[in-house]
Amino acid sequence: MDAQLDEKALEKSLADSLGDLVPEERTVSEDEFVEIVGQALELVGGEMLFKMCIDVDGRSEFVAAATVGSDEKRQFLLLTLPVNGGTLKVETASKSTNPVAGIAPAYAGLMDVFQAAA
C-alpha cells in the first residue's frame, strides 16, 4: 500500500509542477520535449533514461523513461507528450500500459552494469 501511495504522490508532484512547462496545442520539437522533461525531473531529483518518438493509434507522441530514487526506492516513470502538443502525461512504469514501460527497468539495469564495469 505504501508503494502505491508513494507512486501517487510522485505522479501528483510531477503533474502539479508541469503546469507552466507544457506548451500550448502546437507541434512540439524533440528538443522542446527534452527540455520540458528535464525541467520536470529536476524538480523531483529524477534522471531521464532515454527518449523516443512512437506512433500510437495513428498519433505520434514523444515518450521519455526516467528514474527517481535509488536502490529499493527506485521508481521508473514514463512521460509522454503528443507531438502536436497538449498535456504531458506522467505515470509510473509499473501502472502504465504503454509498451515502452517494460523497457525502462531493463535499460536502467543495463546502465547499472555498464557503470559498474567502467
C-alpha atoms as a PDB file:
ATOM      1  CA  MET A   1       0.000   0.000   0.000  1.00  0.00           C
ATOM      2  CA  ASP A   2       2.836   2.422   0.841  1.00  0.00           C
ATOM      3  CA  ALA A   3       4.367   1.855  -2.602  1.00  0.00           C
ATOM      4  CA  GLN A   4       1.058   2.818  -4.218  1.00  0.00           C
ATOM      5  CA  LEU A   5       0.835   5.963  -2.108  1.00  0.00           C
ATOM      6  CA  ASP A   6       4.423   6.841  -2.987  1.00  0.00           C
ATOM      7  CA  GLU A   7       3.692   6.347  -6.701  1.00  0.00           C
ATOM      8  CA  LYS A   8       0.577   8.518  -6.498  1.00  0.00           C
ATOM      9  CA  ALA A   9       2.448  11.216  -4.583  1.00  0.00           C
ATOM     10  CA  LEU A  10       5.267  11.193  -7.126  1.00  0.00           C
ATOM     11  CA  GLU A  11       2.866  11.355 -10.076  1.00  0.00           C
ATOM     12  CA  LYS A  12       0.912  14.190  -8.428  1.00  0.00           C
ATOM     13  CA  SER A  13       4.058  16.115  -7.557  1.00  0.00           C
ATOM     14  CA  LEU A  14       5.274  15.958 -11.141  1.00  0.00           C
ATOM     15  CA  ALA A  15       1.842  16.727 -12.611  1.00  0.00           C
ATOM     16  CA  ASP A  16       1.431  19.756 -10.328  1.00  0.00           C
ATOM     17  CA  SER A  17       4.833  21.115 -11.322  1.00  0.00           C
ATOM     18  CA  LEU A  18       4.203  20.740 -15.047  1.00  0.00           C
ATOM     19  CA  GLY A  19       1.521  23.381 -15.483  1.00  0.00           C
ATOM     20  CA  ASP A  20       3.915  26.093 -16.641  1.00  0.00           C
ATOM     21  CA  LEU A  21       6.203  23.799 -18.609  1.00  0.00           C
ATOM     22  CA  VAL A  22       3.766  22.247 -21.094  1.00  0.00           C
ATOM     23  CA  PRO A  23       3.433  24.080 -24.407  1.00  0.00           C
ATOM     24  CA  GLU A  24       0.033  25.014 -25.779  1.00  0.00           C
ATOM     25  CA  GLU A  25      -1.563  22.962 -28.552  1.00  0.00           C
ATOM     26  CA  ARG A  26       1.083  23.166 -31.272  1.00  0.00           C
ATOM     27  CA  THR A  27       3.731  20.937 -32.746  1.00  0.00           C
ATOM     28  CA  VAL A  28       6.466  20.235 -30.222  1.00  0.00           C
ATOM     29  CA  SER A  29      10.051  19.578 -31.266  1.00  0.00           C
ATOM     30  CA  GLU A  30      12.136  16.800 -29.762  1.00  0.00           C
ATOM     31  CA  ASP A  31      14.416  19.417 -28.189  1.00  0.00           C
ATOM     32  CA  GLU A  32      11.416  21.112 -26.521  1.00  0.00           C
ATOM     33  CA  PHE A  33      10.226  17.770 -25.202  1.00  0.00           C
ATOM     34  CA  VAL A  34      13.664  17.025 -23.725  1.00  0.00           C
ATOM     35  CA  GLU A  35      13.711  20.460 -22.088  1.00  0.00           C
ATOM     36  CA  ILE A  36      10.230  20.017 -20.583  1.00  0.00           C
ATOM     37  CA  VAL A  37      11.074  16.549 -19.256  1.00  0.00           C
ATOM     38  CA  GLY A  38      14.425  17.741 -17.928  1.00  0.00           C
ATOM     39  CA  GLN A  39      12.815  20.616 -16.027  1.00  0.00           C
ATOM     40  CA  ALA A  40      10.135  18.353 -14.579  1.00  0.00           C
ATOM     41  CA  LEU A  41      12.633  15.727 -13.466  1.00  0.00           C
ATOM     42  CA  GLU A  42      14.920  18.331 -11.950  1.00  0.00           C
ATOM     43  CA  LEU A  43      12.093  19.277  -9.574  1.00  0.00           C
ATOM     44  CA  VAL A  44      11.905  15.744  -8.146  1.00  0.00           C
ATOM     45  CA  GLY A  45      15.569  14.745  -8.454  1.00  0.00           C
ATOM     46  CA  GLY A  46      14.898  12.396 -11.356  1.00  0.00           C
ATOM     47  CA  GLU A  47      17.022  11.391 -14.306  1.00  0.00           C
ATOM     48  CA  MET A  48      15.956  10.672 -17.872  1.00  0.00           C
ATOM     49  CA  LEU A  49      16.996   7.235 -19.074  1.00  0.00           C
ATOM     50  CA  PHE A  50      16.012   7.526 -22.734  1.00  0.00           C
ATOM     51  CA  LYS A  51      13.518   9.137 -25.088  1.00  0.00           C
ATOM     52  CA  MET A  52      11.852   8.164 -28.337  1.00  0.00           C
ATOM     53  CA  CYS A  53       9.009   9.063 -30.635  1.00  0.00           C
ATOM     54  CA  ILE A  54       6.386   6.392 -31.244  1.00  0.00           C
ATOM     55  CA  ASP A  55       3.082   6.086 -33.093  1.00  0.00           C
ATOM     56  CA  VAL A  56       0.062   5.175 -31.006  1.00  0.00           C
ATOM     57  CA  ASP A  57      -3.254   4.696 -32.793  1.00  0.00           C
ATOM     58  CA  GLY A  58      -2.086   6.845 -35.702  1.00  0.00           C
ATOM     59  CA  ARG A  59      -0.821   9.657 -33.450  1.00  0.00           C
ATOM     60  CA  SER A  60       2.837  10.431 -32.849  1.00  0.00           C
ATOM     61  CA  GLU A  61       3.982  11.037 -29.309  1.00  0.00           C
ATOM     62  CA  PHE A  62       7.250  11.575 -27.540  1.00  0.00           C
ATOM     63  CA  VAL A  63       7.998   9.165 -24.699  1.00  0.00           C
ATOM     64  CA  ALA A  64      10.702   9.503 -22.077  1.00  0.00           C
ATOM     65  CA  ALA A  65      11.587   6.926 -19.463  1.00  0.00           C
ATOM     66  CA  ALA A  66      13.007   8.241 -16.224  1.00  0.00           C
ATOM     67  CA  THR A  67      14.122   7.062 -12.823  1.00  0.00           C
ATOM     68  CA  VAL A  68      13.634   8.660  -9.426  1.00  0.00           C
ATOM     69  CA  GLY A  69      15.271   7.429  -6.235  1.00  0.00           C
ATOM     70  CA  SER A  70      17.790   4.645  -5.838  1.00  0.00           C
ATOM     71  CA  ASP A  71      18.141   1.060  -4.740  1.00  0.00           C
ATOM     72  CA  GLU A  72      14.901  -0.370  -3.321  1.00  0.00           C
ATOM     73  CA  LYS A  73      13.169   3.011  -3.555  1.00  0.00           C
ATOM     74  CA  ARG A  74      13.944   3.451  -7.231  1.00  0.00           C
ATOM     75  CA  GLN A  75      10.862   4.148  -9.312  1.00  0.00           C
ATOM     76  CA  PHE A  76      10.522   4.276 -13.058  1.00  0.00           C
ATOM     77  CA  LEU A  77       8.388   6.891 -14.767  1.00  0.00           C
ATOM     78  CA  LEU A  78       7.039   7.401 -18.255  1.00  0.00           C
ATOM     79  CA  LEU A  79       6.450  10.907 -19.502  1.00  0.00           C
ATOM     80  CA  THR A  80       4.527  11.231 -22.773  1.00  0.00           C
ATOM     81  CA  LEU A  81       3.563  14.226 -24.866  1.00  0.00           C
ATOM     82  CA  PRO A  82       1.750  14.235 -28.204  1.00  0.00           C
ATOM     83  CA  VAL A  83       3.941  15.663 -30.966  1.00  0.00           C
ATOM     84  CA  ASN A  84       1.057  18.004 -31.818  1.00  0.00           C
ATOM     85  CA  GLY A  85       1.196  19.445 -28.300  1.00  0.00           C
ATOM     86  CA  GLY A  86      -1.160  19.045 -25.413  1.00  0.00           C
ATOM     87  CA  THR A  87      -0.853  17.644 -21.942  1.00  0.00           C
ATOM     88  CA  LEU A  88       2.292  15.990 -20.674  1.00  0.00           C
ATOM     89  CA  LYS A  89       1.255  12.705 -19.081  1.00  0.00           C
ATOM     90  CA  VAL A  90       3.293  11.353 -16.176  1.00  0.00           C
ATOM     91  CA  GLU A  91       2.802   7.834 -14.875  1.00  0.00           C
ATOM     92  CA  THR A  92       4.781   5.198 -13.090  1.00  0.00           C
ATOM     93  CA  ALA A  93       6.043   2.498 -15.406  1.00  0.00           C
ATOM     94  CA  SER A  94       4.533  -0.175 -13.170  1.00  0.00           C
ATOM     95  CA  LYS A  95       1.000   1.098 -13.868  1.00  0.00           C
ATOM     96  CA  SER A  96       1.490   2.127 -17.485  1.00  0.00           C
ATOM     97  CA  THR A  97       0.006   0.259 -20.430  1.00  0.00           C
ATOM     98  CA  ASN A  98       2.475   1.926 -22.781  1.00  0.00           C
ATOM     99  CA  PRO A  99       4.713  -0.708 -24.431  1.00  0.00           C
ATOM    100  CA  VAL A 100       7.787   1.365 -23.560  1.00  0.00           C
ATOM    101  CA  ALA A 101       7.103   0.862 -19.830  1.00  0.00           C
ATOM    102  CA  GLY A 102       8.720  -2.571 -19.776  1.00  0.00           C
ATOM    103  CA  ILE A 103      11.912  -1.273 -21.327  1.00  0.00           C
ATOM    104  CA  ALA A 104      12.698   1.285 -18.594  1.00  0.00           C
ATOM    105  CA  PRO A 105      13.743  -1.107 -15.783  1.00  0.00           C
ATOM    106  CA  ALA A 106      15.723  -3.291 -18.205  1.00  0.00           C
ATOM    107  CA  TYR A 107      17.526  -0.257 -19.643  1.00  0.00           C
ATOM    108  CA  ALA A 108      18.352   1.063 -16.165  1.00  0.00           C
ATOM    109  CA  GLY A 109      19.703  -2.336 -15.179  1.00  0.00           C
ATOM    110  CA  LEU A 110      21.901  -2.424 -18.262  1.00  0.00           C
ATOM    111  CA  MET A 111      23.236   1.075 -17.496  1.00  0.00           C
ATOM    112  CA  ASP A 112      23.984  -0.007 -13.913  1.00  0.00           C
ATOM    113  CA  VAL A 113      26.051  -2.921 -15.235  1.00  0.00           C
ATOM    114  CA  PHE A 114      27.934  -0.668 -17.681  1.00  0.00           C
ATOM    115  CA  GLN A 115      28.707   1.857 -14.940  1.00  0.00           C
ATOM    116  CA  ALA A 116      29.939  -0.877 -12.605  1.00  0.00           C
ATOM    117  CA  ALA A 117      32.219  -2.232 -15.338  1.00  0.00           C
ATOM    118  CA  ALA A 118      33.669   1.181 -16.212  1.00  0.00           C
END
